[in-house]
């Protein structure tokens, strides 16, 4: 009677796994990640397969951000902006704790 709702999925472990594999072979990373997921779509929230889809960072929650990634011509996983750090970002509100790759930013 009710449509299927997807609530409560936390892909933080996937995103941290992807960050830990930067510089490694994309095909191996994808094979390992996809074998543990219910669907592969969340992989592509962070990993761009086309240059026009690349983003420096991706907002994955209300105040949670992760570095954007892409697959280079040698099939290696790379960060879109390897110089990006939490201290370079500004929170959009004062009421939330904002994080980039698990590091808090904007807290005074």
PDB file of N, CA and C in Angstrom:
ATOM      1  N   UNK A   1       0.793  -1.183   0.000  1.00  0.00           N
ATOM      2  CA  UNK A   1       0.000   0.000   0.000  1.00  0.00           C
ATOM      3  C   UNK A   1       0.849   1.267   0.000  1.00  0.00           C
ATOM      4  N   UNK A   2       2.027   1.182   0.569  1.00  0.00           N
ATOM      5  CA  UNK A   2       2.895   2.350   0.639  1.00  0.00           C
ATOM      6  C   UNK A   2       4.111   2.118  -0.247  1.00  0.00           C
ATOM      7  N   UNK A   3       4.611   3.205  -0.829  1.00  0.00           N
ATOM      8  CA  UNK A   3       5.819   3.106  -1.633  1.00  0.00           C
ATOM      9  C   UNK A   3       7.011   2.745  -0.774  1.00  0.00           C
ATOM     10  N   UNK A   4       8.003   2.162  -1.399  1.00  0.00           N
ATOM     11  CA  UNK A   4       9.216   1.779  -0.673  1.00  0.00           C
ATOM     12  C   UNK A   4      10.018   3.041  -0.339  1.00  0.00           C
ATOM     13  N   UNK A   5      10.320   3.233   0.915  1.00  0.00           N
ATOM     14  CA  UNK A   5      11.097   4.381   1.381  1.00  0.00           C
ATOM     15  C   UNK A   5      12.471   3.894   1.823  1.00  0.00           C
ATOM     16  N   UNK A   6      13.469   4.666   1.467  1.00  0.00           N
ATOM     17  CA  UNK A   6      14.827   4.339   1.884  1.00  0.00           C
ATOM     18  C   UNK A   6      15.261   5.358   2.916  1.00  0.00           C
ATOM     19  N   UNK A   7      15.284   4.939   4.143  1.00  0.00           N
ATOM     20  CA  UNK A   7      15.661   5.835   5.236  1.00  0.00           C
ATOM     21  C   UNK A   7      16.795   5.226   6.033  1.00  0.00           C
ATOM     22  N   UNK A   8      17.629   6.089   6.566  1.00  0.00           N
ATOM     23  CA  UNK A   8      18.630   5.625   7.496  1.00  0.00           C
ATOM     24  C   UNK A   8      19.883   5.032   6.898  1.00  0.00           C
ATOM     25  N   UNK A   9      20.068   5.123   5.593  1.00  0.00           N
ATOM     26  CA  UNK A   9      21.297   4.601   5.013  1.00  0.00           C
ATOM     27  C   UNK A   9      22.426   5.574   5.275  1.00  0.00           C
ATOM     28  N   UNK A  10      23.522   5.061   5.823  1.00  0.00           N
ATOM     29  CA  UNK A  10      24.693   5.887   6.105  1.00  0.00           C
ATOM     30  C   UNK A  10      25.838   5.399   5.235  1.00  0.00           C
ATOM     31  N   UNK A  11      26.200   6.194   4.254  1.00  0.00           N
ATOM     32  CA  UNK A  11      27.271   5.814   3.338  1.00  0.00           C
ATOM     33  C   UNK A  11      28.622   6.397   3.746  1.00  0.00           C
ATOM     34  N   UNK A  12      28.729   6.928   4.952  1.00  0.00           N
ATOM     35  CA  UNK A  12      29.994   7.470   5.433  1.00  0.00           C
ATOM     36  C   UNK A  12      31.134   6.451   5.335  1.00  0.00           C
ATOM     37  N   UNK A  13      30.937   5.185   5.730  1.00  0.00           N
ATOM     38  CA  UNK A  13      32.030   4.220   5.578  1.00  0.00           C
ATOM     39  C   UNK A  13      32.477   4.062   4.120  1.00  0.00           C
ATOM     40  N   UNK A  14      31.546   4.105   3.188  1.00  0.00           N
ATOM     41  CA  UNK A  14      31.902   4.041   1.767  1.00  0.00           C
ATOM     42  C   UNK A  14      32.746   5.244   1.381  1.00  0.00           C
ATOM     43  N   UNK A  15      32.325   6.439   1.770  1.00  0.00           N
ATOM     44  CA  UNK A  15      33.044   7.647   1.402  1.00  0.00           C
ATOM     45  C   UNK A  15      34.448   7.656   2.002  1.00  0.00           C
ATOM     46  N   UNK A  16      34.583   7.199   3.225  1.00  0.00           N
ATOM     47  CA  UNK A  16      35.915   7.119   3.848  1.00  0.00           C
ATOM     48  C   UNK A  16      36.780   6.068   3.156  1.00  0.00           C
ATOM     49  N   UNK A  17      36.160   4.965   2.763  1.00  0.00           N
ATOM     50  CA  UNK A  17      36.880   3.933   2.001  1.00  0.00           C
ATOM     51  C   UNK A  17      37.418   4.540   0.705  1.00  0.00           C
ATOM     52  N   UNK A  18      36.569   5.251  -0.031  1.00  0.00           N
ATOM     53  CA  UNK A  18      37.000   5.858  -1.289  1.00  0.00           C
ATOM     54  C   UNK A  18      38.142   6.832  -1.064  1.00  0.00           C
ATOM     55  N   UNK A  19      38.040   7.666  -0.031  1.00  0.00           N
ATOM     56  CA  UNK A  19      39.129   8.610   0.272  1.00  0.00           C
ATOM     57  C   UNK A  19      40.436   7.885   0.577  1.00  0.00           C
ATOM     58  N   UNK A  20      40.343   6.755   1.233  1.00  0.00           N
ATOM     59  CA  UNK A  20      41.557   6.007   1.596  1.00  0.00           C
ATOM     60  C   UNK A  20      42.210   5.345   0.387  1.00  0.00           C
ATOM     61  N   UNK A  21      41.509   5.275  -0.718  1.00  0.00           N
ATOM     62  CA  UNK A  21      42.008   4.590  -1.911  1.00  0.00           C
ATOM     63  C   UNK A  21      42.465   5.542  -3.015  1.00  0.00           C
ATOM     64  N   UNK A  22      42.489   6.847  -2.738  1.00  0.00           N
ATOM     65  CA  UNK A  22      42.941   7.811  -3.744  1.00  0.00           C
ATOM     66  C   UNK A  22      44.337   7.431  -4.220  1.00  0.00           C
ATOM     67  N   UNK A  23      44.528   7.419  -5.538  1.00  0.00           N
ATOM     68  CA  UNK A  23      45.813   7.053  -6.142  1.00  0.00           C
ATOM     69  C   UNK A  23      45.897   5.600  -6.560  1.00  0.00           C
ATOM     70  N   UNK A  24      44.900   4.810  -6.179  1.00  0.00           N
ATOM     71  CA  UNK A  24      44.913   3.377  -6.504  1.00  0.00           C
ATOM     72  C   UNK A  24      44.041   3.070  -7.717  1.00  0.00           C
ATOM     73  N   UNK A  25      44.102   1.833  -8.185  1.00  0.00           N
ATOM     74  CA  UNK A  25      43.393   1.389  -9.378  1.00  0.00           C
ATOM     75  C   UNK A  25      41.874   1.436  -9.195  1.00  0.00           C
ATOM     76  N   UNK A  26      41.214   2.186 -10.065  1.00  0.00           N
ATOM     77  CA  UNK A  26      39.772   2.374  -9.962  1.00  0.00           C
ATOM     78  C   UNK A  26      38.997   1.066 -10.089  1.00  0.00           C
ATOM     79  N   UNK A  27      39.380   0.205 -10.997  1.00  0.00           N
ATOM     80  CA  UNK A  27      38.627  -1.033 -11.202  1.00  0.00           C
ATOM     81  C   UNK A  27      38.621  -1.915  -9.952  1.00  0.00           C
ATOM     82  N   UNK A  28      39.742  -1.982  -9.274  1.00  0.00           N
ATOM     83  CA  UNK A  28      39.806  -2.750  -8.029  1.00  0.00           C
ATOM     84  C   UNK A  28      38.978  -2.083  -6.926  1.00  0.00           C
ATOM     85  N   UNK A  29      39.067  -0.765  -6.843  1.00  0.00           N
ATOM     86  CA  UNK A  29      38.293  -0.028  -5.842  1.00  0.00           C
ATOM     87  C   UNK A  29      36.807  -0.244  -6.078  1.00  0.00           C
ATOM     88  N   UNK A  30      36.384  -0.086  -7.320  1.00  0.00           N
ATOM     89  CA  UNK A  30      34.963  -0.237  -7.656  1.00  0.00           C
ATOM     90  C   UNK A  30      34.474  -1.650  -7.354  1.00  0.00           C
ATOM     91  N   UNK A  31      35.266  -2.635  -7.729  1.00  0.00           N
ATOM     92  CA  UNK A  31      34.891  -4.034  -7.492  1.00  0.00           C
ATOM     93  C   UNK A  31      34.682  -4.287  -5.996  1.00  0.00           C
ATOM     94  N   UNK A  32      35.602  -3.818  -5.170  1.00  0.00           N
ATOM     95  CA  UNK A  32      35.489  -4.028  -3.728  1.00  0.00           C
ATOM     96  C   UNK A  32      34.305  -3.260  -3.140  1.00  0.00           C
ATOM     97  N   UNK A  33      34.164  -2.007  -3.523  1.00  0.00           N
ATOM     98  CA  UNK A  33      33.075  -1.186  -2.971  1.00  0.00           C
ATOM     99  C   UNK A  33      31.712  -1.718  -3.396  1.00  0.00           C
ATOM    100  N   UNK A  34      31.536  -2.010  -4.662  1.00  0.00           N
ATOM    101  CA  UNK A  34      30.223  -2.432  -5.157  1.00  0.00           C
ATOM    102  C   UNK A  34      29.807  -3.791  -4.599  1.00  0.00           C
ATOM    103  N   UNK A  35      30.765  -4.623  -4.243  1.00  0.00           N
ATOM    104  CA  UNK A  35      30.426  -5.941  -3.699  1.00  0.00           C
ATOM    105  C   UNK A  35      29.811  -5.850  -2.301  1.00  0.00           C
ATOM    106  N   UNK A  36      29.971  -4.704  -1.643  1.00  0.00           N
ATOM    107  CA  UNK A  36      29.482  -4.525  -0.276  1.00  0.00           C
ATOM    108  C   UNK A  36      28.259  -3.613  -0.180  1.00  0.00           C
ATOM    109  N   UNK A  37      27.774  -3.141  -1.322  1.00  0.00           N
ATOM    110  CA  UNK A  37      26.677  -2.172  -1.322  1.00  0.00           C
ATOM    111  C   UNK A  37      25.368  -2.772  -1.800  1.00  0.00           C
ATOM    112  N   UNK A  38      24.272  -2.158  -1.392  1.00  0.00           N
ATOM    113  CA  UNK A  38      22.953  -2.533  -1.882  1.00  0.00           C
ATOM    114  C   UNK A  38      22.726  -1.986  -3.290  1.00  0.00           C
ATOM    115  N   UNK A  39      23.386  -0.867  -3.619  1.00  0.00           N
ATOM    116  CA  UNK A  39      23.331  -0.252  -4.942  1.00  0.00           C
ATOM    117  C   UNK A  39      24.602   0.562  -5.135  1.00  0.00           C
ATOM    118  N   UNK A  40      24.994   0.791  -6.375  1.00  0.00           N
ATOM    119  CA  UNK A  40      26.264   1.470  -6.649  1.00  0.00           C
ATOM    120  C   UNK A  40      26.127   2.990  -6.793  1.00  0.00           C
ATOM    121  N   UNK A  41      24.928   3.494  -6.856  1.00  0.00           N
ATOM    122  CA  UNK A  41      24.699   4.928  -7.053  1.00  0.00           C
ATOM    123  C   UNK A  41      25.491   5.822  -6.088  1.00  0.00           C
ATOM    124  N   UNK A  42      25.565   5.516  -4.781  1.00  0.00           N
ATOM    125  CA  UNK A  42      26.303   6.397  -3.865  1.00  0.00           C
ATOM    126  C   UNK A  42      27.792   6.562  -4.199  1.00  0.00           C
ATOM    127  N   UNK A  43      28.374   5.602  -4.883  1.00  0.00           N
ATOM    128  CA  UNK A  43      29.772   5.735  -5.299  1.00  0.00           C
ATOM    129  C   UNK A  43      29.919   6.983  -6.169  1.00  0.00           C
ATOM    130  N   UNK A  44      28.947   7.153  -7.070  1.00  0.00           N
ATOM    131  CA  UNK A  44      29.020   8.244  -8.038  1.00  0.00           C
ATOM    132  C   UNK A  44      28.558   9.580  -7.488  1.00  0.00           C
ATOM    133  N   UNK A  45      28.125   9.613  -6.243  1.00  0.00           N
ATOM    134  CA  UNK A  45      27.866  10.890  -5.591  1.00  0.00           C
ATOM    135  C   UNK A  45      29.187  11.627  -5.406  1.00  0.00           C
ATOM    136  N   UNK A  46      30.275  10.891  -5.173  1.00  0.00           N
ATOM    137  CA  UNK A  46      31.594  11.490  -4.961  1.00  0.00           C
ATOM    138  C   UNK A  46      32.509  11.360  -6.167  1.00  0.00           C
ATOM    139  N   UNK A  47      32.398  10.245  -6.893  1.00  0.00           N
ATOM    140  CA  UNK A  47      33.324   9.956  -7.987  1.00  0.00           C
ATOM    141  C   UNK A  47      32.697  10.338  -9.324  1.00  0.00           C
ATOM    142  N   UNK A  48      33.306  11.290 -10.003  1.00  0.00           N
ATOM    143  CA  UNK A  48      32.844  11.720 -11.325  1.00  0.00           C
ATOM    144  C   UNK A  48      33.533  10.874 -12.396  1.00  0.00           C
ATOM    145  N   UNK A  49      32.755  10.398 -13.332  1.00  0.00           N
ATOM    146  CA  UNK A  49      33.322   9.622 -14.432  1.00  0.00           C
ATOM    147  C   UNK A  49      33.559  10.497 -15.668  1.00  0.00           C
ATOM    148  N   UNK A  50      32.956  11.686 -15.684  1.00  0.00           N
ATOM    149  CA  UNK A  50      33.156  12.638 -16.779  1.00  0.00           C
ATOM    150  C   UNK A  50      33.668  13.950 -16.199  1.00  0.00           C
ATOM    151  N   UNK A  51      34.540  14.605 -16.941  1.00  0.00           N
ATOM    152  CA  UNK A  51      35.155  15.846 -16.463  1.00  0.00           C
ATOM    153  C   UNK A  51      34.115  16.908 -16.107  1.00  0.00           C
ATOM    154  N   UNK A  52      33.053  17.001 -16.870  1.00  0.00           N
ATOM    155  CA  UNK A  52      32.037  18.026 -16.595  1.00  0.00           C
ATOM    156  C   UNK A  52      31.252  17.757 -15.307  1.00  0.00           C
ATOM    157  N   UNK A  53      31.358  16.555 -14.747  1.00  0.00           N
ATOM    158  CA  UNK A  53      30.673  16.217 -13.501  1.00  0.00           C
ATOM    159  C   UNK A  53      31.543  16.403 -12.263  1.00  0.00           C
ATOM    160  N   UNK A  54      32.802  16.775 -12.438  1.00  0.00           N
ATOM    161  CA  UNK A  54      33.722  16.915 -11.306  1.00  0.00           C
ATOM    162  C   UNK A  54      33.327  18.089 -10.418  1.00  0.00           C
ATOM    163  N   UNK A  55      33.421  17.869  -9.099  1.00  0.00           N
ATOM    164  CA  UNK A  55      33.150  18.903  -8.100  1.00  0.00           C
ATOM    165  C   UNK A  55      34.253  18.850  -7.056  1.00  0.00           C
ATOM    166  N   UNK A  56      34.664  20.013  -6.552  1.00  0.00           N
ATOM    167  CA  UNK A  56      35.703  20.055  -5.521  1.00  0.00           C
ATOM    168  C   UNK A  56      35.255  19.344  -4.258  1.00  0.00           C
ATOM    169  N   UNK A  57      33.993  19.541  -3.902  1.00  0.00           N
ATOM    170  CA  UNK A  57      33.440  18.862  -2.731  1.00  0.00           C
ATOM    171  C   UNK A  57      31.965  18.598  -2.979  1.00  0.00           C
ATOM    172  N   UNK A  58      31.448  17.632  -2.220  1.00  0.00           N
ATOM    173  CA  UNK A  58      30.066  17.196  -2.377  1.00  0.00           C
ATOM    174  C   UNK A  58      29.390  17.236  -1.009  1.00  0.00           C
ATOM    175  N   UNK A  59      28.233  17.826  -0.962  1.00  0.00           N
ATOM    176  CA  UNK A  59      27.452  17.854   0.284  1.00  0.00           C
ATOM    177  C   UNK A  59      26.645  16.566   0.350  1.00  0.00           C
ATOM    178  N   UNK A  60      26.881  15.768   1.393  1.00  0.00           N
ATOM    179  CA  UNK A  60      26.213  14.470   1.512  1.00  0.00           C
ATOM    180  C   UNK A  60      25.168  14.441   2.617  1.00  0.00           C
ATOM    181  N   UNK A  61      25.068  15.495   3.350  1.00  0.00           N
ATOM    182  CA  UNK A  61      24.084  15.616   4.424  1.00  0.00           C
ATOM    183  C   UNK A  61      23.836  17.078   4.672  1.00  0.00           C
ATOM    184  N   UNK A  62      23.116  17.373   5.733  1.00  0.00           N
ATOM    185  CA  UNK A  62      22.787  18.764   6.017  1.00  0.00           C
ATOM    186  C   UNK A  62      24.031  19.629   6.179  1.00  0.00           C
ATOM    187  N   UNK A  63      25.048  19.105   6.824  1.00  0.00           N
ATOM    188  CA  UNK A  63      26.270  19.882   7.055  1.00  0.00           C
ATOM    189  C   UNK A  63      27.519  19.010   6.912  1.00  0.00           C
ATOM    190  N   UNK A  64      27.413  17.965   6.106  1.00  0.00           N
ATOM    191  CA  UNK A  64      28.507  17.023   5.906  1.00  0.00           C
ATOM    192  C   UNK A  64      28.981  17.091   4.457  1.00  0.00           C
ATOM    193  N   UNK A  65      30.281  17.289   4.286  1.00  0.00           N
ATOM    194  CA  UNK A  65      30.872  17.410   2.959  1.00  0.00           C
ATOM    195  C   UNK A  65      32.023  16.413   2.820  1.00  0.00           C
ATOM    196  N   UNK A  66      32.218  15.942   1.589  1.00  0.00           N
ATOM    197  CA  UNK A  66      33.357  15.087   1.264  1.00  0.00           C
ATOM    198  C   UNK A  66      34.012  15.612   0.002  1.00  0.00           C
ATOM    199  N   UNK A  67      35.311  15.389  -0.116  1.00  0.00           N
ATOM    200  CA  UNK A  67      36.040  15.813  -1.309  1.00  0.00           C
ATOM    201  C   UNK A  67      35.521  15.078  -2.534  1.00  0.00           C
ATOM    202  N   UNK A  68      35.409  15.832  -3.627  1.00  0.00           N
ATOM    203  CA  UNK A  68      35.020  15.226  -4.893  1.00  0.00           C
ATOM    204  C   UNK A  68      36.197  14.476  -5.494  1.00  0.00           C
ATOM    205  N   UNK A  69      35.899  13.423  -6.232  1.00  0.00           N
ATOM    206  CA  UNK A  69      36.931  12.592  -6.842  1.00  0.00           C
ATOM    207  C   UNK A  69      36.600  12.330  -8.301  1.00  0.00           C
ATOM    208  N   UNK A  70      37.582  11.846  -9.023  1.00  0.00           N
ATOM    209  CA  UNK A  70      37.385  11.466 -10.425  1.00  0.00           C
ATOM    210  C   UNK A  70      38.348  10.337 -10.763  1.00  0.00           C
ATOM    211  N   UNK A  71      38.120   9.707 -11.903  1.00  0.00           N
ATOM    212  CA  UNK A  71      39.001   8.638 -12.384  1.00  0.00           C
ATOM    213  C   UNK A  71      39.810   9.228 -13.532  1.00  0.00           C
ATOM    214  N   UNK A  72      41.137   9.193 -13.396  1.00  0.00           N
ATOM    215  CA  UNK A  72      41.993   9.799 -14.424  1.00  0.00           C
ATOM    216  C   UNK A  72      42.161   8.870 -15.632  1.00  0.00           C
ATOM    217  N   UNK A  73      42.931   9.329 -16.609  1.00  0.00           N
ATOM    218  CA  UNK A  73      43.130   8.574 -17.852  1.00  0.00           C
ATOM    219  C   UNK A  73      43.857   7.252 -17.644  1.00  0.00           C
ATOM    220  N   UNK A  74      44.551   7.122 -16.515  1.00  0.00           N
ATOM    221  CA  UNK A  74      45.268   5.877 -16.195  1.00  0.00           C
ATOM    222  C   UNK A  74      44.457   4.966 -15.283  1.00  0.00           C
ATOM    223  N   UNK A  75      43.144   5.270 -15.134  1.00  0.00           N
ATOM    224  CA  UNK A  75      42.225   4.475 -14.308  1.00  0.00           C
ATOM    225  C   UNK A  75      42.599   4.507 -12.826  1.00  0.00           C
ATOM    226  N   UNK A  76      43.126   5.650 -12.386  1.00  0.00           N
ATOM    227  CA  UNK A  76      43.449   5.847 -10.970  1.00  0.00           C
ATOM    228  C   UNK A  76      42.438   6.817 -10.370  1.00  0.00           C
ATOM    229  N   UNK A  77      42.066   6.586  -9.118  1.00  0.00           N
ATOM    230  CA  UNK A  77      41.154   7.472  -8.412  1.00  0.00           C
ATOM    231  C   UNK A  77      41.927   8.689  -7.917  1.00  0.00           C
ATOM    232  N   UNK A  78      41.419   9.884  -8.215  1.00  0.00           N
ATOM    233  CA  UNK A  78      42.093  11.132  -7.846  1.00  0.00           C
ATOM    234  C   UNK A  78      41.114  12.097  -7.187  1.00  0.00           C
ATOM    235  N   UNK A  79      41.647  13.014  -6.380  1.00  0.00           N
ATOM    236  CA  UNK A  79      40.853  14.096  -5.810  1.00  0.00           C
ATOM    237  C   UNK A  79      40.745  15.214  -6.836  1.00  0.00           C
ATOM    238  N   UNK A  80      39.579  15.814  -6.954  1.00  0.00           N
ATOM    239  CA  UNK A  80      39.410  16.945  -7.864  1.00  0.00           C
ATOM    240  C   UNK A  80      40.303  18.100  -7.422  1.00  0.00           C
ATOM    241  N   UNK A  81      40.339  18.375  -6.120  1.00  0.00           N
ATOM    242  CA  UNK A  81      41.201  19.425  -5.583  1.00  0.00           C
ATOM    243  C   UNK A  81      41.963  18.870  -4.385  1.00  0.00           C
ATOM    244  N   UNK A  82      43.174  18.359  -4.610  1.00  0.00           N
ATOM    245  CA  UNK A  82      43.946  17.772  -3.507  1.00  0.00           C
ATOM    246  C   UNK A  82      44.346  18.782  -2.432  1.00  0.00           C
ATOM    247  N   UNK A  83      44.273  20.078  -2.724  1.00  0.00           N
ATOM    248  CA  UNK A  83      44.650  21.115  -1.767  1.00  0.00           C
ATOM    249  C   UNK A  83      43.498  21.514  -0.847  1.00  0.00           C
ATOM    250  N   UNK A  84      42.291  21.062  -1.124  1.00  0.00           N
ATOM    251  CA  UNK A  84      41.124  21.447  -0.340  1.00  0.00           C
ATOM    252  C   UNK A  84      41.231  20.916   1.090  1.00  0.00           C
ATOM    253  N   UNK A  85      41.026  21.809   2.055  1.00  0.00           N
ATOM    254  CA  UNK A  85      41.045  21.448   3.474  1.00  0.00           C
ATOM    255  C   UNK A  85      39.818  22.038   4.151  1.00  0.00           C
ATOM    256  N   UNK A  86      39.463  21.474   5.289  1.00  0.00           N
ATOM    257  CA  UNK A  86      38.303  21.949   6.038  1.00  0.00           C
ATOM    258  C   UNK A  86      38.425  23.433   6.355  1.00  0.00           C
ATOM    259  N   UNK A  87      39.612  23.905   6.663  1.00  0.00           N
ATOM    260  CA  UNK A  87      39.795  25.315   7.023  1.00  0.00           C
ATOM    261  C   UNK A  87      39.515  26.263   5.861  1.00  0.00           C
ATOM    262  N   UNK A  88      39.440  25.737   4.623  1.00  0.00           N
ATOM    263  CA  UNK A  88      39.154  26.569   3.459  1.00  0.00           C
ATOM    264  C   UNK A  88      37.671  26.804   3.243  1.00  0.00           C
ATOM    265  N   UNK A  89      36.819  26.116   3.989  1.00  0.00           N
ATOM    266  CA  UNK A  89      35.374  26.213   3.788  1.00  0.00           C
ATOM    267  C   UNK A  89      34.717  27.059   4.874  1.00  0.00           C
ATOM    268  N   UNK A  90      33.592  27.631   4.535  1.00  0.00           N
ATOM    269  CA  UNK A  90      32.821  28.448   5.459  1.00  0.00           C
ATOM    270  C   UNK A  90      31.456  27.803   5.650  1.00  0.00           C
ATOM    271  N   UNK A  91      31.026  27.617   6.892  1.00  0.00           N
ATOM    272  CA  UNK A  91      29.704  27.028   7.118  1.00  0.00           C
ATOM    273  C   UNK A  91      28.599  27.973   6.662  1.00  0.00           C
ATOM    274  N   UNK A  92      27.474  27.407   6.242  1.00  0.00           N
ATOM    275  CA  UNK A  92      26.369  28.241   5.785  1.00  0.00           C
ATOM    276  C   UNK A  92      25.432  28.644   6.917  1.00  0.00           C
ATOM    277  N   UNK A  93      25.629  28.094   8.127  1.00  0.00           N
ATOM    278  CA  UNK A  93      24.836  28.501   9.283  1.00  0.00           C
ATOM    279  C   UNK A  93      25.671  28.309  10.555  1.00  0.00           C
ATOM    280  N   UNK A  94      25.228  28.915  11.647  1.00  0.00           N
ATOM    281  CA  UNK A  94      25.950  28.813  12.917  1.00  0.00           C
ATOM    282  C   UNK A  94      25.420  27.714  13.818  1.00  0.00           C
ATOM    283  N   UNK A  95      24.297  27.130  13.459  1.00  0.00           N
ATOM    284  CA  UNK A  95      23.654  26.176  14.359  1.00  0.00           C
ATOM    285  C   UNK A  95      24.135  24.734  14.184  1.00  0.00           C
ATOM    286  N   UNK A  96      24.820  24.434  13.098  1.00  0.00           N
ATOM    287  CA  UNK A  96      25.232  23.051  12.818  1.00  0.00           C
ATOM    288  C   UNK A  96      26.748  22.892  12.914  1.00  0.00           C
ATOM    289  N   UNK A  97      27.177  21.673  13.135  1.00  0.00           N
ATOM    290  CA  UNK A  97      28.596  21.335  13.072  1.00  0.00           C
ATOM    291  C   UNK A  97      28.871  20.867  11.656  1.00  0.00           C
ATOM    292  N   UNK A  98      29.714  21.580  10.938  1.00  0.00           N
ATOM    293  CA  UNK A  98      30.026  21.266   9.550  1.00  0.00           C
ATOM    294  C   UNK A  98      31.335  20.483   9.488  1.00  0.00           C
ATOM    295  N   UNK A  99      31.372  19.481   8.600  1.00  0.00           N
ATOM    296  CA  UNK A  99      32.582  18.687   8.449  1.00  0.00           C
ATOM    297  C   UNK A  99      32.927  18.484   6.977  1.00  0.00           C
ATOM    298  N   UNK A 100      34.221  18.393   6.721  1.00  0.00           N
ATOM    299  CA  UNK A 100      34.749  18.000   5.416  1.00  0.00           C
ATOM    300  C   UNK A 100      35.615  16.778   5.655  1.00  0.00           C
ATOM    301  N   UNK A 101      35.246  15.669   5.077  1.00  0.00           N
ATOM    302  CA  UNK A 101      35.994  14.408   5.243  1.00  0.00           C
ATOM    303  C   UNK A 101      36.169  14.067   6.722  1.00  0.00           C
ATOM    304  N   UNK A 102      35.178  14.432   7.530  1.00  0.00           N
ATOM    305  CA  UNK A 102      35.209  14.114   8.950  1.00  0.00           C
ATOM    306  C   UNK A 102      35.884  15.154   9.825  1.00  0.00           C
ATOM    307  N   UNK A 103      36.461  16.193   9.225  1.00  0.00           N
ATOM    308  CA  UNK A 103      37.115  17.251   9.993  1.00  0.00           C
ATOM    309  C   UNK A 103      36.182  18.455  10.110  1.00  0.00           C
ATOM    310  N   UNK A 104      36.017  18.938  11.342  1.00  0.00           N
ATOM    311  CA  UNK A 104      35.121  20.050  11.619  1.00  0.00           C
ATOM    312  C   UNK A 104      35.698  21.337  11.045  1.00  0.00           C
ATOM    313  N   UNK A 105      34.819  22.172  10.470  1.00  0.00           N
ATOM    314  CA  UNK A 105      35.237  23.501  10.060  1.00  0.00           C
ATOM    315  C   UNK A 105      34.224  24.533  10.519  1.00  0.00           C
ATOM    316  N   UNK A 106      34.707  25.748  10.697  1.00  0.00           N
ATOM    317  CA  UNK A 106      33.853  26.861  11.073  1.00  0.00           C
ATOM    318  C   UNK A 106      33.533  26.959  12.547  1.00  0.00           C
ATOM    319  N   UNK A 107      34.064  26.076  13.377  1.00  0.00           N
ATOM    320  CA  UNK A 107      33.794  26.139  14.813  1.00  0.00           C
ATOM    321  C   UNK A 107      34.776  27.082  15.473  1.00  0.00           C
ATOM    322  N   UNK A 108      34.256  28.082  16.152  1.00  0.00           N
ATOM    323  CA  UNK A 108      35.115  29.024  16.859  1.00  0.00           C
ATOM    324  C   UNK A 108      35.022  28.784  18.350  1.00  0.00           C
TER     325      UNK A 108
END
